[in-house]
Amino acid sequence: MDKVRKKMGRQLPEIQVFLNDLPGNDFNTIFKSLPKFQKDLQKTMGAGAESCFVTGVPGSFYGRLFPSKSLHFVHSSYSLQWLSQVPQGLESNKGNIYMASSSPPSVLKAYYEQFQRDFSMFLRCRSEELLEGGGTVLTFLGRRSEDPSSKECCYIWELLAVALNDMVSEGLIAEEKMDSFNIPQYTPSPAEVKCEVEKEGSFIINRLEVSEVNWNAYHGEFCPSDAHKDGGYNVAKLMRAVAEPLLVSHFGDGIIEEVFSRYKNIVADRMTREKTEFVNVTVSMTKRG
């Protein structure tokens, strides 16, 4: 079949895939999974799988990563809600670790302005790297509401703050340590994403959609073990993978087991009494000609 295609001048295209992450993160797990990925790809594409090449690119996506006009397509999934840094001016956010219903307006403003700076920089850098007409699909953790402190985006962090504050009240964590800890994340609304894209001006929005997914990944599915049936366990495990490096760097590793043991119980209790979902905001765009 390949010989026929070559004779007809229709060779399979060669695809170069670049995987990006911060230099401090470990690429080895991804690289170890590539042989299985190539094998699965070969089952689907046959000989075409040999034309797919994968490379790791360390660096922050809030700066340039690739040569000018070298990419056809950019995809980001569950990354752009992470900010380049904790916003400045959060001293008044005492007792919270993220935006919350009790956060003063100055805190919400500081988070939003950091998101604006970061997302604008991301769009500008990817615009330089994409060919004209190149495509982009971005998925954020976000929210439907225009309230940046709404439960749909902040609740899961508020529950972690409950566990930490309980440990403060018991003398296990210093209060000043708690008050100086904040999560570098912003979960935008569709309107905020649209506003920044239009303001930056390099892309045309094709589609902008919102979807939901249950906190518990095994919700409504067959569970292979009792552990997977435990929603609190599943969510705490997910959040530990996300939050543990941040907590360790600020509080040290001595509190981790206790924090997530408490967090698991708090989350499990709330999940039995409330509807708990993550909100995704997905935007598909084309670079302007």
C-alpha atoms as a PDB file:
ATOM      1  CA  MET A   1       0.000   0.000   0.000  1.00  0.00           C
ATOM      2  CA  ASP A   2       2.853   2.401   0.877  1.00  0.00           C
ATOM      3  CA  LYS A   3       4.509   1.700  -2.512  1.00  0.00           C
ATOM      4  CA  VAL A   4       1.263   2.479  -4.287  1.00  0.00           C
ATOM      5  CA  ARG A   5       0.920   5.770  -2.426  1.00  0.00           C
ATOM      6  CA  LYS A   6       4.479   6.768  -3.259  1.00  0.00           C
ATOM      7  CA  LYS A   7       3.950   6.030  -6.931  1.00  0.00           C
ATOM      8  CA  MET A   8       0.800   8.107  -6.912  1.00  0.00           C
ATOM      9  CA  GLY A   9       2.613  10.947  -5.127  1.00  0.00           C
ATOM     10  CA  ARG A  10       0.500  10.580  -1.981  1.00  0.00           C
ATOM     11  CA  GLN A  11       2.980   9.754   0.749  1.00  0.00           C
ATOM     12  CA  LEU A  12       1.728   9.863   4.309  1.00  0.00           C
ATOM     13  CA  PRO A  13       2.575  13.190   5.983  1.00  0.00           C
ATOM     14  CA  GLU A  14       5.218  13.216   8.680  1.00  0.00           C
ATOM     15  CA  ILE A  15       3.956  14.612  11.982  1.00  0.00           C
ATOM     16  CA  GLN A  16       6.193  16.175  14.628  1.00  0.00           C
ATOM     17  CA  VAL A  17       4.589  16.385  18.101  1.00  0.00           C
ATOM     18  CA  PHE A  18       6.156  18.588  20.793  1.00  0.00           C
ATOM     19  CA  LEU A  19       5.276  17.929  24.450  1.00  0.00           C
ATOM     20  CA  ASN A  20       5.822  20.917  26.713  1.00  0.00           C
ATOM     21  CA  ASP A  21       6.243  21.075  30.495  1.00  0.00           C
ATOM     22  CA  LEU A  22       8.206  23.064  33.042  1.00  0.00           C
ATOM     23  CA  PRO A  23      11.889  22.077  33.381  1.00  0.00           C
ATOM     24  CA  GLY A  24      11.403  20.997  36.993  1.00  0.00           C
ATOM     25  CA  ASN A  25       8.765  18.416  36.083  1.00  0.00           C
ATOM     26  CA  ASP A  26       9.716  14.866  35.220  1.00  0.00           C
ATOM     27  CA  PHE A  27       9.369  13.954  31.529  1.00  0.00           C
ATOM     28  CA  ASN A  28      10.488  10.347  32.138  1.00  0.00           C
ATOM     29  CA  THR A  29       7.002   8.998  32.847  1.00  0.00           C
ATOM     30  CA  ILE A  30       5.748  10.447  29.560  1.00  0.00           C
ATOM     31  CA  PHE A  31       8.735   9.139  27.621  1.00  0.00           C
ATOM     32  CA  LYS A  32       8.293   5.648  29.109  1.00  0.00           C
ATOM     33  CA  SER A  33       4.706   5.613  27.841  1.00  0.00           C
ATOM     34  CA  LEU A  34       5.701   6.414  24.235  1.00  0.00           C
ATOM     35  CA  PRO A  35       6.443   2.830  23.073  1.00  0.00           C
ATOM     36  CA  LYS A  36       2.902   1.767  24.048  1.00  0.00           C
ATOM     37  CA  PHE A  37       1.533   4.907  22.384  1.00  0.00           C
ATOM     38  CA  GLN A  38       3.403   4.075  19.164  1.00  0.00           C
ATOM     39  CA  LYS A  39       2.154   0.489  19.296  1.00  0.00           C
ATOM     40  CA  ASP A  40      -1.468   1.605  19.769  1.00  0.00           C
ATOM     41  CA  LEU A  41      -1.028   4.157  16.990  1.00  0.00           C
ATOM     42  CA  GLN A  42       0.280   1.468  14.683  1.00  0.00           C
ATOM     43  CA  LYS A  43      -2.840  -0.631  15.278  1.00  0.00           C
ATOM     44  CA  THR A  44      -4.928   2.349  14.201  1.00  0.00           C
ATOM     45  CA  MET A  45      -2.814   3.827  11.401  1.00  0.00           C
ATOM     46  CA  GLY A  46      -0.693   0.933  10.252  1.00  0.00           C
ATOM     47  CA  ALA A  47       2.540   2.093   8.632  1.00  0.00           C
ATOM     48  CA  GLY A  48       1.487   5.696   9.143  1.00  0.00           C
ATOM     49  CA  ALA A  49       2.471   5.442  12.815  1.00  0.00           C
ATOM     50  CA  GLU A  50       6.122   5.432  11.756  1.00  0.00           C
ATOM     51  CA  SER A  51       5.664   8.995  10.499  1.00  0.00           C
ATOM     52  CA  CYS A  52       4.812  10.412  13.956  1.00  0.00           C
ATOM     53  CA  PHE A  53       7.771  11.801  15.919  1.00  0.00           C
ATOM     54  CA  VAL A  54       7.518  12.960  19.555  1.00  0.00           C
ATOM     55  CA  THR A  55       9.876  15.414  21.295  1.00  0.00           C
ATOM     56  CA  GLY A  56       9.908  16.962  24.797  1.00  0.00           C
ATOM     57  CA  VAL A  57      10.303  20.748  25.084  1.00  0.00           C
ATOM     58  CA  PRO A  58      11.013  22.064  28.613  1.00  0.00           C
ATOM     59  CA  GLY A  59      10.053  25.650  29.404  1.00  0.00           C
ATOM     60  CA  SER A  60       7.219  27.930  30.487  1.00  0.00           C
ATOM     61  CA  PHE A  61       4.436  28.450  27.956  1.00  0.00           C
ATOM     62  CA  TYR A  62       4.251  32.035  29.214  1.00  0.00           C
ATOM     63  CA  GLY A  63       7.243  32.701  26.967  1.00  0.00           C
ATOM     64  CA  ARG A  64       8.498  31.652  23.534  1.00  0.00           C
ATOM     65  CA  LEU A  65       9.095  27.923  23.070  1.00  0.00           C
ATOM     66  CA  PHE A  66       9.402  27.441  19.288  1.00  0.00           C
ATOM     67  CA  PRO A  67      10.779  29.257  16.212  1.00  0.00           C
ATOM     68  CA  SER A  68       8.571  31.769  14.437  1.00  0.00           C
ATOM     69  CA  LYS A  69       5.872  30.313  12.162  1.00  0.00           C
ATOM     70  CA  SER A  70       6.929  26.723  12.838  1.00  0.00           C
ATOM     71  CA  LEU A  71       3.698  25.199  14.222  1.00  0.00           C
ATOM     72  CA  HIS A  72       0.467  24.137  12.535  1.00  0.00           C
ATOM     73  CA  PHE A  73      -1.540  23.378  15.684  1.00  0.00           C
ATOM     74  CA  VAL A  74      -1.373  24.088  19.437  1.00  0.00           C
ATOM     75  CA  HIS A  75      -3.319  22.166  22.076  1.00  0.00           C
ATOM     76  CA  SER A  76      -3.392  22.865  25.813  1.00  0.00           C
ATOM     77  CA  SER A  77      -5.477  20.851  28.267  1.00  0.00           C
ATOM     78  CA  TYR A  78      -5.954  21.773  31.950  1.00  0.00           C
ATOM     79  CA  SER A  79      -2.846  23.943  32.068  1.00  0.00           C
ATOM     80  CA  LEU A  80      -3.735  27.565  31.392  1.00  0.00           C
ATOM     81  CA  GLN A  81      -5.670  27.998  34.634  1.00  0.00           C
ATOM     82  CA  TRP A  82      -2.244  27.889  36.313  1.00  0.00           C
ATOM     83  CA  LEU A  83      -0.718  31.341  36.641  1.00  0.00           C
ATOM     84  CA  SER A  84       2.945  32.172  36.136  1.00  0.00           C
ATOM     85  CA  GLN A  85       3.120  33.270  39.788  1.00  0.00           C
ATOM     86  CA  VAL A  86       1.038  33.951  42.877  1.00  0.00           C
ATOM     87  CA  PRO A  87      -0.482  37.419  42.343  1.00  0.00           C
ATOM     88  CA  GLN A  88       0.926  40.317  44.334  1.00  0.00           C
ATOM     89  CA  GLY A  89      -1.182  42.035  46.991  1.00  0.00           C
ATOM     90  CA  LEU A  90      -2.918  39.066  48.646  1.00  0.00           C
ATOM     91  CA  GLU A  91      -2.003  39.996  52.238  1.00  0.00           C
ATOM     92  CA  SER A  92      -5.670  40.601  53.086  1.00  0.00           C
ATOM     93  CA  ASN A  93      -6.714  37.083  51.991  1.00  0.00           C
ATOM     94  CA  LYS A  94      -6.304  35.718  55.523  1.00  0.00           C
ATOM     95  CA  GLY A  95      -7.761  32.306  56.262  1.00  0.00           C
ATOM     96  CA  ASN A  96      -8.110  31.522  52.548  1.00  0.00           C
ATOM     97  CA  ILE A  97      -5.723  29.815  50.145  1.00  0.00           C
ATOM     98  CA  TYR A  98      -7.477  30.916  46.957  1.00  0.00           C
ATOM     99  CA  MET A  99     -10.327  33.202  45.937  1.00  0.00           C
ATOM    100  CA  ALA A 100     -13.277  32.610  48.246  1.00  0.00           C
ATOM    101  CA  SER A 101     -16.598  34.177  49.166  1.00  0.00           C
ATOM    102  CA  SER A 102     -14.827  35.877  52.089  1.00  0.00           C
ATOM    103  CA  SER A 103     -11.977  37.260  49.939  1.00  0.00           C
ATOM    104  CA  PRO A 104     -11.947  41.075  49.646  1.00  0.00           C
ATOM    105  CA  PRO A 105     -12.453  42.633  46.177  1.00  0.00           C
ATOM    106  CA  SER A 106      -8.757  43.582  45.987  1.00  0.00           C
ATOM    107  CA  VAL A 107      -7.825  39.888  46.057  1.00  0.00           C
ATOM    108  CA  LEU A 108     -10.243  39.004  43.243  1.00  0.00           C
ATOM    109  CA  LYS A 109      -8.877  41.926  41.228  1.00  0.00           C
ATOM    110  CA  ALA A 110      -5.265  40.845  41.777  1.00  0.00           C
ATOM    111  CA  TYR A 111      -6.029  37.313  40.565  1.00  0.00           C
ATOM    112  CA  TYR A 112      -7.896  38.529  37.481  1.00  0.00           C
ATOM    113  CA  GLU A 113      -5.175  40.980  36.478  1.00  0.00           C
ATOM    114  CA  GLN A 114      -2.522  38.252  36.792  1.00  0.00           C
ATOM    115  CA  PHE A 115      -4.648  36.009  34.540  1.00  0.00           C
ATOM    116  CA  GLN A 116      -4.982  38.816  31.999  1.00  0.00           C
ATOM    117  CA  ARG A 117      -1.227  39.360  31.861  1.00  0.00           C
ATOM    118  CA  ASP A 118      -0.428  35.662  31.619  1.00  0.00           C
ATOM    119  CA  PHE A 119      -3.063  34.659  29.064  1.00  0.00           C
ATOM    120  CA  SER A 120      -2.252  37.651  26.869  1.00  0.00           C
ATOM    121  CA  MET A 121       1.426  36.643  26.908  1.00  0.00           C
ATOM    122  CA  PHE A 122       0.508  33.042  26.038  1.00  0.00           C
ATOM    123  CA  LEU A 123      -1.576  34.176  23.065  1.00  0.00           C
ATOM    124  CA  ARG A 124       1.125  36.552  21.845  1.00  0.00           C
ATOM    125  CA  CYS A 125       3.841  33.875  22.004  1.00  0.00           C
ATOM    126  CA  ARG A 126       1.759  31.191  20.293  1.00  0.00           C
ATOM    127  CA  SER A 127       0.763  33.692  17.607  1.00  0.00           C
ATOM    128  CA  GLU A 128       4.422  34.207  16.792  1.00  0.00           C
ATOM    129  CA  GLU A 129       5.019  30.467  16.586  1.00  0.00           C
ATOM    130  CA  LEU A 130       1.960  29.440  14.552  1.00  0.00           C
ATOM    131  CA  LEU A 131       1.699  29.622  10.790  1.00  0.00           C
ATOM    132  CA  GLU A 132      -1.063  31.806   9.387  1.00  0.00           C
ATOM    133  CA  GLY A 133      -4.292  29.811   9.515  1.00  0.00           C
ATOM    134  CA  GLY A 134      -2.855  27.544  12.227  1.00  0.00           C
ATOM    135  CA  GLY A 135      -5.286  26.097  14.755  1.00  0.00           C
ATOM    136  CA  THR A 136      -5.464  26.193  18.554  1.00  0.00           C
ATOM    137  CA  VAL A 137      -7.679  24.335  21.025  1.00  0.00           C
ATOM    138  CA  LEU A 138      -7.403  25.305  24.695  1.00  0.00           C
ATOM    139  CA  THR A 139      -9.242  23.745  27.640  1.00  0.00           C
ATOM    140  CA  PHE A 140      -9.209  25.449  31.039  1.00  0.00           C
ATOM    141  CA  LEU A 141     -10.718  24.606  34.361  1.00  0.00           C
ATOM    142  CA  GLY A 142     -13.170  27.471  34.522  1.00  0.00           C
ATOM    143  CA  ARG A 143     -16.627  28.547  35.577  1.00  0.00           C
ATOM    144  CA  ARG A 144     -20.003  29.534  34.088  1.00  0.00           C
ATOM    145  CA  SER A 145     -20.605  32.325  36.582  1.00  0.00           C
ATOM    146  CA  GLU A 146     -19.161  35.809  36.214  1.00  0.00           C
ATOM    147  CA  ASP A 147     -18.364  35.710  39.942  1.00  0.00           C
ATOM    148  CA  PRO A 148     -14.687  34.640  40.250  1.00  0.00           C
ATOM    149  CA  SER A 149     -15.276  33.433  43.821  1.00  0.00           C
ATOM    150  CA  SER A 150     -18.274  31.230  42.973  1.00  0.00           C
ATOM    151  CA  LYS A 151     -18.434  27.726  44.416  1.00  0.00           C
ATOM    152  CA  GLU A 152     -18.283  26.091  40.981  1.00  0.00           C
ATOM    153  CA  CYS A 153     -14.605  27.037  40.659  1.00  0.00           C
ATOM    154  CA  CYS A 154     -13.372  27.744  44.197  1.00  0.00           C
ATOM    155  CA  TYR A 155     -15.158  25.212  46.407  1.00  0.00           C
ATOM    156  CA  ILE A 156     -12.612  22.440  46.061  1.00  0.00           C
ATOM    157  CA  TRP A 157      -9.880  24.804  47.333  1.00  0.00           C
ATOM    158  CA  GLU A 158     -12.137  26.146  50.098  1.00  0.00           C
ATOM    159  CA  LEU A 159     -12.472  22.604  51.456  1.00  0.00           C
ATOM    160  CA  LEU A 160      -8.688  22.215  51.512  1.00  0.00           C
ATOM    161  CA  ALA A 161      -8.546  25.527  53.407  1.00  0.00           C
ATOM    162  CA  VAL A 162     -10.986  24.053  55.947  1.00  0.00           C
ATOM    163  CA  ALA A 163      -8.568  21.183  56.626  1.00  0.00           C
ATOM    164  CA  LEU A 164      -5.613  23.569  56.931  1.00  0.00           C
ATOM    165  CA  ASN A 165      -7.501  25.979  59.211  1.00  0.00           C
ATOM    166  CA  ASP A 166      -8.530  23.114  61.478  1.00  0.00           C
ATOM    167  CA  MET A 167      -4.850  22.255  61.861  1.00  0.00           C
ATOM    168  CA  VAL A 168      -4.079  25.907  62.587  1.00  0.00           C
ATOM    169  CA  SER A 169      -6.671  25.931  65.381  1.00  0.00           C
ATOM    170  CA  GLU A 170      -5.033  22.818  66.845  1.00  0.00           C
ATOM    171  CA  GLY A 171      -1.571  24.355  66.737  1.00  0.00           C
ATOM    172  CA  LEU A 172      -0.291  21.988  64.044  1.00  0.00           C
ATOM    173  CA  ILE A 173       0.259  24.802  61.525  1.00  0.00           C
ATOM    174  CA  ALA A 174       1.390  28.352  62.313  1.00  0.00           C
ATOM    175  CA  GLU A 175      -1.298  30.939  61.555  1.00  0.00           C
ATOM    176  CA  GLU A 176       1.143  33.242  59.759  1.00  0.00           C
ATOM    177  CA  LYS A 177       2.155  30.333  57.511  1.00  0.00           C
ATOM    178  CA  MET A 178      -1.491  29.726  56.637  1.00  0.00           C
ATOM    179  CA  ASP A 179      -2.161  33.411  55.949  1.00  0.00           C
ATOM    180  CA  SER A 180       0.783  33.687  53.551  1.00  0.00           C
ATOM    181  CA  PHE A 181      -0.163  30.661  51.408  1.00  0.00           C
ATOM    182  CA  ASN A 182      -2.141  31.184  48.172  1.00  0.00           C
ATOM    183  CA  ILE A 183      -2.738  29.006  45.107  1.00  0.00           C
ATOM    184  CA  PRO A 184      -1.436  30.425  41.765  1.00  0.00           C
ATOM    185  CA  GLN A 185      -4.522  29.586  39.725  1.00  0.00           C
ATOM    186  CA  TYR A 186      -7.364  31.419  37.992  1.00  0.00           C
ATOM    187  CA  THR A 187     -10.430  29.672  36.565  1.00  0.00           C
ATOM    188  CA  PRO A 188     -11.872  32.015  33.915  1.00  0.00           C
ATOM    189  CA  SER A 189     -15.413  32.378  32.607  1.00  0.00           C
ATOM    190  CA  PRO A 190     -16.136  32.049  28.861  1.00  0.00           C
ATOM    191  CA  ALA A 191     -16.651  35.823  28.694  1.00  0.00           C
ATOM    192  CA  GLU A 192     -13.218  36.473  30.217  1.00  0.00           C
ATOM    193  CA  VAL A 193     -11.530  34.095  27.777  1.00  0.00           C
ATOM    194  CA  LYS A 194     -13.324  35.733  24.835  1.00  0.00           C
ATOM    195  CA  CYS A 195     -12.418  39.212  26.068  1.00  0.00           C
ATOM    196  CA  GLU A 196      -8.686  38.451  26.289  1.00  0.00           C
ATOM    197  CA  VAL A 197      -8.602  36.703  22.896  1.00  0.00           C
ATOM    198  CA  GLU A 198     -10.309  39.656  21.200  1.00  0.00           C
ATOM    199  CA  LYS A 199      -8.140  42.176  23.032  1.00  0.00           C
ATOM    200  CA  GLU A 200      -4.891  40.438  21.990  1.00  0.00           C
ATOM    201  CA  GLY A 201      -6.200  40.252  18.419  1.00  0.00           C
ATOM    202  CA  SER A 202      -4.169  37.443  16.836  1.00  0.00           C
ATOM    203  CA  PHE A 203      -6.893  34.780  16.751  1.00  0.00           C
ATOM    204  CA  ILE A 204     -10.414  34.240  15.458  1.00  0.00           C
ATOM    205  CA  ILE A 205     -12.654  32.262  17.828  1.00  0.00           C
ATOM    206  CA  ASN A 206     -14.393  29.381  16.053  1.00  0.00           C
ATOM    207  CA  ARG A 207     -16.132  27.818  19.052  1.00  0.00           C
ATOM    208  CA  LEU A 208     -16.338  28.570  22.768  1.00  0.00           C
ATOM    209  CA  GLU A 209     -17.995  25.927  24.913  1.00  0.00           C
ATOM    210  CA  VAL A 210     -18.586  24.996  28.550  1.00  0.00           C
ATOM    211  CA  SER A 211     -18.905  21.467  29.911  1.00  0.00           C
ATOM    212  CA  GLU A 212     -18.967  19.777  33.315  1.00  0.00           C
ATOM    213  CA  VAL A 213     -17.343  16.694  34.810  1.00  0.00           C
ATOM    214  CA  ASN A 214     -18.042  15.163  38.206  1.00  0.00           C
ATOM    215  CA  TRP A 215     -15.371  15.573  40.880  1.00  0.00           C
ATOM    216  CA  ASN A 216     -15.242  11.789  41.159  1.00  0.00           C
ATOM    217  CA  ALA A 217     -13.867  10.373  37.903  1.00  0.00           C
ATOM    218  CA  TYR A 218     -15.587   7.024  38.628  1.00  0.00           C
ATOM    219  CA  HIS A 219     -19.027   8.585  39.188  1.00  0.00           C
ATOM    220  CA  GLY A 220     -21.665   6.425  37.489  1.00  0.00           C
ATOM    221  CA  GLU A 221     -19.093   3.939  36.167  1.00  0.00           C
ATOM    222  CA  PHE A 222     -18.144   0.382  37.057  1.00  0.00           C
ATOM    223  CA  CYS A 223     -15.665   0.504  39.948  1.00  0.00           C
ATOM    224  CA  PRO A 224     -13.002  -2.220  39.950  1.00  0.00           C
ATOM    225  CA  SER A 225     -12.288  -1.842  43.672  1.00  0.00           C
ATOM    226  CA  ASP A 226     -13.852  -0.495  46.852  1.00  0.00           C
ATOM    227  CA  ALA A 227     -11.241   2.291  46.906  1.00  0.00           C
ATOM    228  CA  HIS A 228     -12.562   3.645  43.615  1.00  0.00           C
ATOM    229  CA  LYS A 229     -16.096   3.716  45.047  1.00  0.00           C
ATOM    230  CA  ASP A 230     -14.871   6.175  47.688  1.00  0.00           C
ATOM    231  CA  GLY A 231     -15.436   9.598  46.121  1.00  0.00           C
ATOM    232  CA  GLY A 232     -13.565  11.388  48.889  1.00  0.00           C
ATOM    233  CA  TYR A 233     -10.554   9.142  48.375  1.00  0.00           C
ATOM    234  CA  ASN A 234     -10.562   9.714  44.609  1.00  0.00           C
ATOM    235  CA  VAL A 235     -10.829  13.492  44.838  1.00  0.00           C
ATOM    236  CA  ALA A 236      -8.249  13.761  47.619  1.00  0.00           C
ATOM    237  CA  LYS A 237      -5.848  11.640  45.566  1.00  0.00           C
ATOM    238  CA  LEU A 238      -6.389  13.872  42.519  1.00  0.00           C
ATOM    239  CA  MET A 239      -5.916  17.077  44.503  1.00  0.00           C
ATOM    240  CA  ARG A 240      -2.880  15.705  46.291  1.00  0.00           C
ATOM    241  CA  ALA A 241      -1.159  15.159  42.952  1.00  0.00           C
ATOM    242  CA  VAL A 242      -1.887  18.804  42.111  1.00  0.00           C
ATOM    243  CA  ALA A 243      -1.363  20.536  45.451  1.00  0.00           C
ATOM    244  CA  GLU A 244       1.279  18.514  47.292  1.00  0.00           C
ATOM    245  CA  PRO A 245       4.327  20.208  45.682  1.00  0.00           C
ATOM    246  CA  LEU A 246       2.881  23.644  46.545  1.00  0.00           C
ATOM    247  CA  LEU A 247       2.090  22.625  50.115  1.00  0.00           C
ATOM    248  CA  VAL A 248       5.473  20.997  50.691  1.00  0.00           C
ATOM    249  CA  SER A 249       7.377  24.021  49.412  1.00  0.00           C
ATOM    250  CA  HIS A 250       5.496  26.291  51.843  1.00  0.00           C
ATOM    251  CA  PHE A 251       4.702  24.161  54.916  1.00  0.00           C
ATOM    252  CA  GLY A 252       7.220  21.312  54.609  1.00  0.00           C
ATOM    253  CA  ASP A 253       6.331  17.651  54.145  1.00  0.00           C
ATOM    254  CA  GLY A 254       5.502  16.930  57.782  1.00  0.00           C
ATOM    255  CA  ILE A 255       1.839  17.951  57.470  1.00  0.00           C
ATOM    256  CA  ILE A 256       0.966  16.260  54.181  1.00  0.00           C
ATOM    257  CA  GLU A 257      -0.470  12.939  55.371  1.00  0.00           C
ATOM    258  CA  GLU A 258      -2.607  14.642  58.016  1.00  0.00           C
ATOM    259  CA  VAL A 259      -3.871  17.359  55.675  1.00  0.00           C
ATOM    260  CA  PHE A 260      -5.060  14.959  53.002  1.00  0.00           C
ATOM    261  CA  SER A 261      -6.523  12.503  55.497  1.00  0.00           C
ATOM    262  CA  ARG A 262      -8.710  15.328  56.821  1.00  0.00           C
ATOM    263  CA  TYR A 263      -9.384  16.646  53.331  1.00  0.00           C
ATOM    264  CA  LYS A 264     -10.610  13.230  52.157  1.00  0.00           C
ATOM    265  CA  ASN A 265     -13.188  13.108  54.965  1.00  0.00           C
ATOM    266  CA  ILE A 266     -14.348  16.690  54.375  1.00  0.00           C
ATOM    267  CA  VAL A 267     -14.747  16.131  50.630  1.00  0.00           C
ATOM    268  CA  ALA A 268     -16.549  12.802  51.106  1.00  0.00           C
ATOM    269  CA  ASP A 269     -19.034  14.463  53.458  1.00  0.00           C
ATOM    270  CA  ARG A 270     -19.776  17.342  51.049  1.00  0.00           C
ATOM    271  CA  MET A 271     -20.094  15.016  48.046  1.00  0.00           C
ATOM    272  CA  THR A 272     -22.888  13.081  49.755  1.00  0.00           C
ATOM    273  CA  ARG A 273     -24.857  16.298  50.311  1.00  0.00           C
ATOM    274  CA  GLU A 274     -24.094  18.482  47.278  1.00  0.00           C
ATOM    275  CA  LYS A 275     -23.663  18.335  43.514  1.00  0.00           C
ATOM    276  CA  THR A 276     -19.922  18.623  42.924  1.00  0.00           C
ATOM    277  CA  GLU A 277     -18.588  19.253  39.415  1.00  0.00           C
ATOM    278  CA  PHE A 278     -15.612  20.799  37.691  1.00  0.00           C
ATOM    279  CA  VAL A 279     -16.429  23.254  34.896  1.00  0.00           C
ATOM    280  CA  ASN A 280     -14.401  23.173  31.676  1.00  0.00           C
ATOM    281  CA  VAL A 281     -14.079  26.099  29.287  1.00  0.00           C
ATOM    282  CA  THR A 282     -12.867  25.084  25.814  1.00  0.00           C
ATOM    283  CA  VAL A 283     -12.037  27.466  22.981  1.00  0.00           C
ATOM    284  CA  SER A 284     -11.140  26.598  19.373  1.00  0.00           C
ATOM    285  CA  MET A 285      -9.337  29.318  17.426  1.00  0.00           C
ATOM    286  CA  THR A 286      -7.570  30.037  14.134  1.00  0.00           C
ATOM    287  CA  LYS A 287      -4.638  32.414  13.718  1.00  0.00           C
ATOM    288  CA  ARG A 288      -5.554  35.414  11.627  1.00  0.00           C
ATOM    289  CA  GLY A 289      -4.012  35.712   8.169  1.00  0.00           C
END
